[in-house]
Amino acid sequence: MPYAARTHGPRTRRVLDRIGRTTMLARVGQGLSQRNLEALTGVDQTTISRLENGSAAGLRLDKLAVIIAVLDLDRFDQLRPPAPARPARD
């Protein structure tokens, strides 16, 4: 079965939604339309739309990396793993 056709669990769905929302907010915050971003990245506008809607699970990593670089999102702060728990002090 192709990867894009697989059903994702709720945690994966939330991550895809968060990536899409972060991408959309960065694009809009920079005054770019999806067509502008397409011109800057070479990634088709329909793919950008699917990414922003959280439905581009099969998006190639190299295309995502180009979008992230152009939007200057190379930190993706909202997606970082939680800090390790500190041991309790007595």
PDB file of N, CA and C in Angstrom:
ATOM      1  N   MET A   1       0.849  -1.182   0.000  1.00  0.00           N
ATOM      2  CA  MET A   1       0.000   0.000   0.000  1.00  0.00           C
ATOM      3  C   MET A   1       0.892   1.241   0.000  1.00  0.00           C
ATOM      4  N   PRO A   2       0.607   2.213  -0.864  1.00  0.00           N
ATOM      5  CA  PRO A   2       1.417   3.438  -0.871  1.00  0.00           C
ATOM      6  C   PRO A   2       1.329   4.161   0.464  1.00  0.00           C
ATOM      7  N   TYR A   3       2.432   4.802   0.859  1.00  0.00           N
ATOM      8  CA  TYR A   3       2.481   5.478   2.153  1.00  0.00           C
ATOM      9  C   TYR A   3       1.351   6.491   2.299  1.00  0.00           C
ATOM     10  N   ALA A   4       1.109   7.284   1.264  1.00  0.00           N
ATOM     11  CA  ALA A   4       0.104   8.352   1.354  1.00  0.00           C
ATOM     12  C   ALA A   4      -1.299   7.799   1.578  1.00  0.00           C
ATOM     13  N   ALA A   5      -1.538   6.526   1.228  1.00  0.00           N
ATOM     14  CA  ALA A   5      -2.870   5.952   1.378  1.00  0.00           C
ATOM     15  C   ALA A   5      -3.101   5.354   2.769  1.00  0.00           C
ATOM     16  N   ARG A   6      -2.075   5.273   3.580  1.00  0.00           N
ATOM     17  CA  ARG A   6      -2.223   4.691   4.909  1.00  0.00           C
ATOM     18  C   ARG A   6      -2.995   5.623   5.833  1.00  0.00           C
ATOM     19  N   THR A   7      -3.694   5.025   6.780  1.00  0.00           N
ATOM     20  CA  THR A   7      -4.402   5.799   7.788  1.00  0.00           C
ATOM     21  C   THR A   7      -3.440   6.072   8.934  1.00  0.00           C
ATOM     22  N   HIS A   8      -3.427   7.300   9.410  1.00  0.00           N
ATOM     23  CA  HIS A   8      -2.524   7.679  10.478  1.00  0.00           C
ATOM     24  C   HIS A   8      -3.263   7.738  11.802  1.00  0.00           C
ATOM     25  N   GLY A   9      -2.536   7.416  12.866  1.00  0.00           N
ATOM     26  CA  GLY A   9      -3.095   7.497  14.197  1.00  0.00           C
ATOM     27  C   GLY A   9      -3.252   8.942  14.633  1.00  0.00           C
ATOM     28  N   PRO A  10      -3.896   9.156  15.773  1.00  0.00           N
ATOM     29  CA  PRO A  10      -4.172  10.517  16.225  1.00  0.00           C
ATOM     30  C   PRO A  10      -2.922  11.341  16.504  1.00  0.00           C
ATOM     31  N   ARG A  11      -1.871  10.734  17.017  1.00  0.00           N
ATOM     32  CA  ARG A  11      -0.648  11.508  17.298  1.00  0.00           C
ATOM     33  C   ARG A  11      -0.003  11.980  16.004  1.00  0.00           C
ATOM     34  N   THR A  12       0.077  11.086  15.018  1.00  0.00           N
ATOM     35  CA  THR A  12       0.636  11.462  13.724  1.00  0.00           C
ATOM     36  C   THR A  12      -0.220  12.528  13.074  1.00  0.00           C
ATOM     37  N   ARG A  13      -1.530  12.388  13.174  1.00  0.00           N
ATOM     38  CA  ARG A  13      -2.460  13.378  12.612  1.00  0.00           C
ATOM     39  C   ARG A  13      -2.211  14.763  13.232  1.00  0.00           C
ATOM     40  N   ARG A  14      -2.005  14.803  14.562  1.00  0.00           N
ATOM     41  CA  ARG A  14      -1.744  16.089  15.238  1.00  0.00           C
ATOM     42  C   ARG A  14      -0.433  16.705  14.760  1.00  0.00           C
ATOM     43  N   VAL A  15       0.583  15.890  14.572  1.00  0.00           N
ATOM     44  CA  VAL A  15       1.877  16.407  14.098  1.00  0.00           C
ATOM     45  C   VAL A  15       1.732  16.961  12.686  1.00  0.00           C
ATOM     46  N   LEU A  16       1.049  16.230  11.800  1.00  0.00           N
ATOM     47  CA  LEU A  16       0.838  16.719  10.438  1.00  0.00           C
ATOM     48  C   LEU A  16       0.061  18.033  10.451  1.00  0.00           C
ATOM     49  N   ASP A  17      -0.955  18.112  11.302  1.00  0.00           N
ATOM     50  CA  ASP A  17      -1.732  19.350  11.418  1.00  0.00           C
ATOM     51  C   ASP A  17      -0.867  20.497  11.929  1.00  0.00           C
ATOM     52  N   ARG A  18      -0.004  20.228  12.906  1.00  0.00           N
ATOM     53  CA  ARG A  18       0.850  21.265  13.473  1.00  0.00           C
ATOM     54  C   ARG A  18       1.870  21.761  12.446  1.00  0.00           C
ATOM     55  N   ILE A  19       2.453  20.849  11.693  1.00  0.00           N
ATOM     56  CA  ILE A  19       3.391  21.249  10.636  1.00  0.00           C
ATOM     57  C   ILE A  19       2.672  22.127   9.614  1.00  0.00           C
ATOM     58  N   GLY A  20       1.475  21.710   9.228  1.00  0.00           N
ATOM     59  CA  GLY A  20       0.705  22.487   8.254  1.00  0.00           C
ATOM     60  C   GLY A  20       0.348  23.865   8.764  1.00  0.00           C
ATOM     61  N   ARG A  21      -0.109  23.939   9.998  1.00  0.00           N
ATOM     62  CA  ARG A  21      -0.495  25.240  10.568  1.00  0.00           C
ATOM     63  C   ARG A  21       0.723  26.152  10.717  1.00  0.00           C
ATOM     64  N   THR A  22       1.832  25.603  11.175  1.00  0.00           N
ATOM     65  CA  THR A  22       3.057  26.391  11.330  1.00  0.00           C
ATOM     66  C   THR A  22       3.516  26.931   9.981  1.00  0.00           C
ATOM     67  N   THR A  23       3.456  26.089   8.968  1.00  0.00           N
ATOM     68  CA  THR A  23       3.847  26.498   7.618  1.00  0.00           C
ATOM     69  C   THR A  23       2.944  27.611   7.103  1.00  0.00           C
ATOM     70  N   MET A  24       1.633  27.436   7.273  1.00  0.00           N
ATOM     71  CA  MET A  24       0.686  28.439   6.797  1.00  0.00           C
ATOM     72  C   MET A  24       0.863  29.773   7.516  1.00  0.00           C
ATOM     73  N   LEU A  25       1.030  29.732   8.835  1.00  0.00           N
ATOM     74  CA  LEU A  25       1.203  30.972   9.593  1.00  0.00           C
ATOM     75  C   LEU A  25       2.479  31.698   9.174  1.00  0.00           C
ATOM     76  N   ALA A  26       3.545  30.954   8.932  1.00  0.00           N
ATOM     77  CA  ALA A  26       4.802  31.572   8.489  1.00  0.00           C
ATOM     78  C   ALA A  26       4.644  32.186   7.106  1.00  0.00           C
ATOM     79  N   ARG A  27       3.988  31.467   6.212  1.00  0.00           N
ATOM     80  CA  ARG A  27       3.782  31.974   4.846  1.00  0.00           C
ATOM     81  C   ARG A  27       2.952  33.253   4.859  1.00  0.00           C
ATOM     82  N   VAL A  28       1.830  33.220   5.553  1.00  0.00           N
ATOM     83  CA  VAL A  28       0.942  34.385   5.623  1.00  0.00           C
ATOM     84  C   VAL A  28       1.645  35.537   6.347  1.00  0.00           C
ATOM     85  N   GLY A  29       2.384  35.224   7.398  1.00  0.00           N
ATOM     86  CA  GLY A  29       3.115  36.242   8.139  1.00  0.00           C
ATOM     87  C   GLY A  29       4.163  36.956   7.296  1.00  0.00           C
ATOM     88  N   GLN A  30       4.644  36.286   6.272  1.00  0.00           N
ATOM     89  CA  GLN A  30       5.624  36.897   5.368  1.00  0.00           C
ATOM     90  C   GLN A  30       4.965  37.518   4.142  1.00  0.00           C
ATOM     91  N   GLY A  31       3.631  37.540   4.142  1.00  0.00           N
ATOM     92  CA  GLY A  31       2.897  38.165   3.043  1.00  0.00           C
ATOM     93  C   GLY A  31       2.953  37.387   1.741  1.00  0.00           C
ATOM     94  N   LEU A  32       3.133  36.075   1.827  1.00  0.00           N
ATOM     95  CA  LEU A  32       3.230  35.246   0.626  1.00  0.00           C
ATOM     96  C   LEU A  32       1.933  34.484   0.380  1.00  0.00           C
ATOM     97  N   SER A  33       1.549  34.401  -0.872  1.00  0.00           N
ATOM     98  CA  SER A  33       0.455  33.505  -1.245  1.00  0.00           C
ATOM     99  C   SER A  33       1.043  32.124  -1.486  1.00  0.00           C
ATOM    100  N   GLN A  34       0.180  31.141  -1.617  1.00  0.00           N
ATOM    101  CA  GLN A  34       0.674  29.802  -1.944  1.00  0.00           C
ATOM    102  C   GLN A  34       1.363  29.807  -3.307  1.00  0.00           C
ATOM    103  N   ARG A  35       0.869  30.596  -4.229  1.00  0.00           N
ATOM    104  CA  ARG A  35       1.507  30.709  -5.558  1.00  0.00           C
ATOM    105  C   ARG A  35       2.890  31.354  -5.439  1.00  0.00           C
ATOM    106  N   ASN A  36       3.019  32.379  -4.578  1.00  0.00           N
ATOM    107  CA  ASN A  36       4.342  32.991  -4.356  1.00  0.00           C
ATOM    108  C   ASN A  36       5.316  31.958  -3.816  1.00  0.00           C
ATOM    109  N   LEU A  37       4.848  31.162  -2.840  1.00  0.00           N
ATOM    110  CA  LEU A  37       5.704  30.148  -2.244  1.00  0.00           C
ATOM    111  C   LEU A  37       6.071  29.082  -3.274  1.00  0.00           C
ATOM    112  N   GLU A  38       5.144  28.757  -4.142  1.00  0.00           N
ATOM    113  CA  GLU A  38       5.429  27.822  -5.231  1.00  0.00           C
ATOM    114  C   GLU A  38       6.569  28.353  -6.094  1.00  0.00           C
ATOM    115  N   ALA A  39       6.514  29.636  -6.439  1.00  0.00           N
ATOM    116  CA  ALA A  39       7.558  30.240  -7.280  1.00  0.00           C
ATOM    117  C   ALA A  39       8.921  30.226  -6.587  1.00  0.00           C
ATOM    118  N   LEU A  40       8.922  30.414  -5.269  1.00  0.00           N
ATOM    119  CA  LEU A  40      10.178  30.460  -4.520  1.00  0.00           C
ATOM    120  C   LEU A  40      10.770  29.071  -4.255  1.00  0.00           C
ATOM    121  N   THR A  41       9.911  28.047  -4.190  1.00  0.00           N
ATOM    122  CA  THR A  41      10.378  26.726  -3.791  1.00  0.00           C
ATOM    123  C   THR A  41      10.393  25.690  -4.911  1.00  0.00           C
ATOM    124  N   GLY A  42       9.593  25.916  -5.940  1.00  0.00           N
ATOM    125  CA  GLY A  42       9.438  24.898  -6.972  1.00  0.00           C
ATOM    126  C   GLY A  42       8.488  23.789  -6.568  1.00  0.00           C
ATOM    127  N   VAL A  43       7.845  23.933  -5.409  1.00  0.00           N
ATOM    128  CA  VAL A  43       6.866  22.949  -4.931  1.00  0.00           C
ATOM    129  C   VAL A  43       5.490  23.413  -5.388  1.00  0.00           C
ATOM    130  N   ASP A  44       4.752  22.519  -6.042  1.00  0.00           N
ATOM    131  CA  ASP A  44       3.455  22.848  -6.612  1.00  0.00           C
ATOM    132  C   ASP A  44       2.494  23.427  -5.567  1.00  0.00           C
ATOM    133  N   GLN A  45       1.692  24.404  -5.968  1.00  0.00           N
ATOM    134  CA  GLN A  45       0.745  25.066  -5.060  1.00  0.00           C
ATOM    135  C   GLN A  45      -0.224  24.080  -4.438  1.00  0.00           C
ATOM    136  N   THR A  46      -0.674  23.087  -5.186  1.00  0.00           N
ATOM    137  CA  THR A  46      -1.607  22.117  -4.607  1.00  0.00           C
ATOM    138  C   THR A  46      -0.937  21.290  -3.508  1.00  0.00           C
ATOM    139  N   THR A  47       0.343  21.018  -3.664  1.00  0.00           N
ATOM    140  CA  THR A  47       1.096  20.303  -2.618  1.00  0.00           C
ATOM    141  C   THR A  47       1.228  21.181  -1.385  1.00  0.00           C
ATOM    142  N   ILE A  48       1.492  22.474  -1.584  1.00  0.00           N
ATOM    143  CA  ILE A  48       1.579  23.410  -0.464  1.00  0.00           C
ATOM    144  C   ILE A  48       0.239  23.475   0.264  1.00  0.00           C
ATOM    145  N   SER A  49      -0.852  23.509  -0.483  1.00  0.00           N
ATOM    146  CA  SER A  49      -2.183  23.525   0.124  1.00  0.00           C
ATOM    147  C   SER A  49      -2.421  22.272   0.951  1.00  0.00           C
ATOM    148  N   ARG A  50      -2.067  21.105   0.400  1.00  0.00           N
ATOM    149  CA  ARG A  50      -2.243  19.853   1.152  1.00  0.00           C
ATOM    150  C   ARG A  50      -1.386  19.848   2.414  1.00  0.00           C
ATOM    151  N   LEU A  51      -0.160  20.344   2.309  1.00  0.00           N
ATOM    152  CA  LEU A  51       0.713  20.433   3.484  1.00  0.00           C
ATOM    153  C   LEU A  51       0.054  21.290   4.559  1.00  0.00           C
ATOM    154  N   GLU A  52      -0.437  22.464   4.177  1.00  0.00           N
ATOM    155  CA  GLU A  52      -1.040  23.379   5.141  1.00  0.00           C
ATOM    156  C   GLU A  52      -2.327  22.826   5.745  1.00  0.00           C
ATOM    157  N   ASN A  53      -2.993  21.946   5.023  1.00  0.00           N
ATOM    158  CA  ASN A  53      -4.224  21.323   5.524  1.00  0.00           C
ATOM    159  C   ASN A  53      -3.958  20.027   6.270  1.00  0.00           C
ATOM    160  N   GLY A  54      -2.681  19.683   6.417  1.00  0.00           N
ATOM    161  CA  GLY A  54      -2.326  18.475   7.156  1.00  0.00           C
ATOM    162  C   GLY A  54      -2.595  17.191   6.401  1.00  0.00           C
ATOM    163  N   SER A  55      -2.745  17.289   5.082  1.00  0.00           N
ATOM    164  CA  SER A  55      -3.084  16.095   4.304  1.00  0.00           C
ATOM    165  C   SER A  55      -2.009  15.734   3.283  1.00  0.00           C
ATOM    166  N   ALA A  56      -0.776  16.119   3.553  1.00  0.00           N
ATOM    167  CA  ALA A  56       0.322  15.805   2.634  1.00  0.00           C
ATOM    168  C   ALA A  56       1.283  14.815   3.287  1.00  0.00           C
ATOM    169  N   ALA A  57       0.731  13.736   3.817  1.00  0.00           N
ATOM    170  CA  ALA A  57       1.552  12.756   4.525  1.00  0.00           C
ATOM    171  C   ALA A  57       2.627  12.149   3.635  1.00  0.00           C
ATOM    172  N   GLY A  58       2.399  12.081   2.335  1.00  0.00           N
ATOM    173  CA  GLY A  58       3.373  11.501   1.420  1.00  0.00           C
ATOM    174  C   GLY A  58       4.354  12.508   0.849  1.00  0.00           C
ATOM    175  N   LEU A  59       4.360  13.727   1.371  1.00  0.00           N
ATOM    176  CA  LEU A  59       5.262  14.770   0.876  1.00  0.00           C
ATOM    177  C   LEU A  59       6.714  14.344   1.055  1.00  0.00           C
ATOM    178  N   ARG A  60       7.482  14.467  -0.016  1.00  0.00           N
ATOM    179  CA  ARG A  60       8.897  14.099   0.059  1.00  0.00           C
ATOM    180  C   ARG A  60       9.625  15.046   1.010  1.00  0.00           C
ATOM    181  N   LEU A  61      10.547  14.481   1.749  1.00  0.00           N
ATOM    182  CA  LEU A  61      11.296  15.229   2.745  1.00  0.00           C
ATOM    183  C   LEU A  61      12.081  16.373   2.123  1.00  0.00           C
ATOM    184  N   ASP A  62      12.633  16.185   0.936  1.00  0.00           N
ATOM    185  CA  ASP A  62      13.404  17.259   0.299  1.00  0.00           C
ATOM    186  C   ASP A  62      12.515  18.444  -0.048  1.00  0.00           C
ATOM    187  N   LYS A  63      11.259  18.190  -0.435  1.00  0.00           N
ATOM    188  CA  LYS A  63      10.338  19.298  -0.719  1.00  0.00           C
ATOM    189  C   LYS A  63       9.971  20.034   0.564  1.00  0.00           C
ATOM    190  N   LEU A  64       9.723  19.292   1.632  1.00  0.00           N
ATOM    191  CA  LEU A  64       9.426  19.921   2.916  1.00  0.00           C
ATOM    192  C   LEU A  64      10.611  20.760   3.377  1.00  0.00           C
ATOM    193  N   ALA A  65      11.821  20.251   3.191  1.00  0.00           N
ATOM    194  CA  ALA A  65      13.021  20.979   3.609  1.00  0.00           C
ATOM    195  C   ALA A  65      13.162  22.292   2.850  1.00  0.00           C
ATOM    196  N   VAL A  66      12.846  22.309   1.566  1.00  0.00           N
ATOM    197  CA  VAL A  66      12.923  23.544   0.781  1.00  0.00           C
ATOM    198  C   VAL A  66      11.920  24.562   1.309  1.00  0.00           C
ATOM    199  N   ILE A  67      10.702  24.122   1.588  1.00  0.00           N
ATOM    200  CA  ILE A  67       9.670  25.025   2.120  1.00  0.00           C
ATOM    201  C   ILE A  67      10.109  25.585   3.463  1.00  0.00           C
ATOM    202  N   ILE A  68      10.617  24.733   4.339  1.00  0.00           N
ATOM    203  CA  ILE A  68      11.076  25.165   5.657  1.00  0.00           C
ATOM    204  C   ILE A  68      12.202  26.186   5.528  1.00  0.00           C
ATOM    205  N   ALA A  69      13.139  25.938   4.627  1.00  0.00           N
ATOM    206  CA  ALA A  69      14.265  26.856   4.444  1.00  0.00           C
ATOM    207  C   ALA A  69      13.798  28.211   3.913  1.00  0.00           C
ATOM    208  N   VAL A  70      12.923  28.202   2.920  1.00  0.00           N
ATOM    209  CA  VAL A  70      12.450  29.460   2.329  1.00  0.00           C
ATOM    210  C   VAL A  70      11.665  30.271   3.356  1.00  0.00           C
ATOM    211  N   LEU A  71      10.888  29.599   4.188  1.00  0.00           N
ATOM    212  CA  LEU A  71      10.091  30.300   5.202  1.00  0.00           C
ATOM    213  C   LEU A  71      10.887  30.579   6.473  1.00  0.00           C
ATOM    214  N   ASP A  72      12.157  30.187   6.474  1.00  0.00           N
ATOM    215  CA  ASP A  72      13.044  30.403   7.628  1.00  0.00           C
ATOM    216  C   ASP A  72      12.473  29.747   8.891  1.00  0.00           C
ATOM    217  N   LEU A  73      12.020  28.511   8.721  1.00  0.00           N
ATOM    218  CA  LEU A  73      11.444  27.750   9.837  1.00  0.00           C
ATOM    219  C   LEU A  73      12.373  26.638  10.287  1.00  0.00           C
ATOM    220  N   ASP A  74      13.654  26.800  10.107  1.00  0.00           N
ATOM    221  CA  ASP A  74      14.560  25.688  10.361  1.00  0.00           C
ATOM    222  C   ASP A  74      14.707  25.342  11.836  1.00  0.00           C
ATOM    223  N   ARG A  75      13.988  26.006  12.710  1.00  0.00           N
ATOM    224  CA  ARG A  75      13.998  25.626  14.125  1.00  0.00           C
ATOM    225  C   ARG A  75      12.763  24.824  14.502  1.00  0.00           C
ATOM    226  N   PHE A  76      11.624  25.119  13.915  1.00  0.00           N
ATOM    227  CA  PHE A  76      10.364  24.420  14.206  1.00  0.00           C
ATOM    228  C   PHE A  76      10.184  24.234  15.699  1.00  0.00           C
ATOM    229  N   ASP A  77      10.297  25.320  16.455  1.00  0.00           N
ATOM    230  CA  ASP A  77      10.231  25.274  17.915  1.00  0.00           C
ATOM    231  C   ASP A  77       9.035  24.497  18.460  1.00  0.00           C
ATOM    232  N   GLN A  78       7.898  24.629  17.822  1.00  0.00           N
ATOM    233  CA  GLN A  78       6.691  23.975  18.343  1.00  0.00           C
ATOM    234  C   GLN A  78       6.762  22.463  18.228  1.00  0.00           C
ATOM    235  N   LEU A  79       7.683  21.961  17.439  1.00  0.00           N
ATOM    236  CA  LEU A  79       7.735  20.518  17.202  1.00  0.00           C
ATOM    237  C   LEU A  79       8.866  19.830  17.938  1.00  0.00           C
ATOM    238  N   ARG A  80       9.626  20.573  18.720  1.00  0.00           N
ATOM    239  CA  ARG A  80      10.764  19.949  19.399  1.00  0.00           C
ATOM    240  C   ARG A  80      10.269  18.994  20.482  1.00  0.00           C
ATOM    241  N   PRO A  81      11.049  17.956  20.765  1.00  0.00           N
ATOM    242  CA  PRO A  81      10.638  17.016  21.808  1.00  0.00           C
ATOM    243  C   PRO A  81      10.687  17.676  23.181  1.00  0.00           C
ATOM    244  N   PRO A  82       9.910  17.173  24.116  1.00  0.00           N
ATOM    245  CA  PRO A  82       9.942  17.760  25.453  1.00  0.00           C
ATOM    246  C   PRO A  82      11.311  17.569  26.103  1.00  0.00           C
ATOM    247  N   ALA A  83      11.657  18.499  26.969  1.00  0.00           N
ATOM    248  CA  ALA A  83      12.931  18.402  27.700  1.00  0.00           C
ATOM    249  C   ALA A  83      12.893  17.179  28.607  1.00  0.00           C
ATOM    250  N   PRO A  84      14.040  16.539  28.800  1.00  0.00           N
ATOM    251  CA  PRO A  84      14.060  15.374  29.696  1.00  0.00           C
ATOM    252  C   PRO A  84      13.672  15.786  31.120  1.00  0.00           C
ATOM    253  N   ALA A  85      13.003  14.876  31.792  1.00  0.00           N
ATOM    254  CA  ALA A  85      12.571  15.141  33.160  1.00  0.00           C
ATOM    255  C   ALA A  85      13.797  15.247  34.065  1.00  0.00           C
ATOM    256  N   ARG A  86      13.741  16.182  34.977  1.00  0.00           N
ATOM    257  CA  ARG A  86      14.819  16.333  35.959  1.00  0.00           C
ATOM    258  C   ARG A  86      14.525  15.482  37.175  1.00  0.00           C
ATOM    259  N   PRO A  87      15.558  14.892  37.746  1.00  0.00           N
ATOM    260  CA  PRO A  87      15.315  14.072  38.957  1.00  0.00           C
ATOM    261  C   PRO A  87      14.810  14.959  40.098  1.00  0.00           C
ATOM    262  N   ALA A  88      13.928  14.412  40.883  1.00  0.00           N
ATOM    263  CA  ALA A  88      13.388  15.144  42.026  1.00  0.00           C
ATOM    264  C   ALA A  88      14.461  15.288  43.105  1.00  0.00           C
ATOM    265  N   ARG A  89      14.463  16.449  43.757  1.00  0.00           N
ATOM    266  CA  ARG A  89      15.400  16.692  44.866  1.00  0.00           C
ATOM    267  C   ARG A  89      14.680  16.470  46.181  1.00  0.00           C
ATOM    268  N   ASP A  90      15.391  15.916  47.128  1.00  0.00           N
ATOM    269  CA  ASP A  90      14.806  15.679  48.449  1.00  0.00           C
ATOM    270  C   ASP A  90      14.942  16.894  49.324  1.00  0.00           C
TER     271      ASP A  90
END
